[in-house]
Amino acid sequence: MLKFLAHRWLRAFSIRHQYDTTYMEELLDHDLAAFLKFSTLNLLSSHRRGIPVAPWYAARIRATMWEDCGPCVKLVCNMALEAEVDPAVVSAVVTADLAALADDIALVVQFTELVLAHDPAADVLRNQVRQRWGADGLMSLATAISTTRVYPSVKYVLGHGHACNRVQIARDSFAPGEFRCATLPGTTA
């Protein structure tokens, strides 16, 4: 019965977000206990306190871009849009157009990339994040950045990460090769 309900939830999620959940269905079919444990990650990945929704989603989008070349990025972008983040902001986050972003969102984009690159320059930005949003905001970014990367990683490990797709945000469309870094010139996320 539990597997039936989980499959139903995955189908609804897939339809709602136009996202291929095959890798999660494979996990569910192979090992219900593993699927249930994996599903609890949703609780942690949805943690947000002390930080506005737009910068929080900026971190999730940029973290996803480090691990995926389209489908998961599109999913997180759609979730941001559903949470009423302005489409222009989502597009600017995807393209790393810092000049088009409010200072707080640009800060998060840069901080996320430096953290993911294990760059010591993240220390300066971490202090700015802490000053702006306190420990709650910093912890929310920590969970957003770290957990968001797990989904595409699991997808790739299970062999479902081969499809690179364009990401459509409102009227803008971006190719995976356009996913450039904001903080590390000449590299892509």
Foldseek 3Di string as FASTA:
>chain_A
DVLVVVVVVLVVLCVVQVADCVLLNVVCVVDVVVSVVLVCLVVLQPDADQDDLLLLLLLLLLLQLVQAQARLNLSSLVVSVVVVDDLQSSVCSQLVVLVSDDPSNNLSLQLSVCVVVVHPVNVVSLVVQCVRRNPRRSSSSVSNNVSSNVVSVSCVVSPNRPDRDWHDRPPDTHGSVSQDGNHDPPHHD
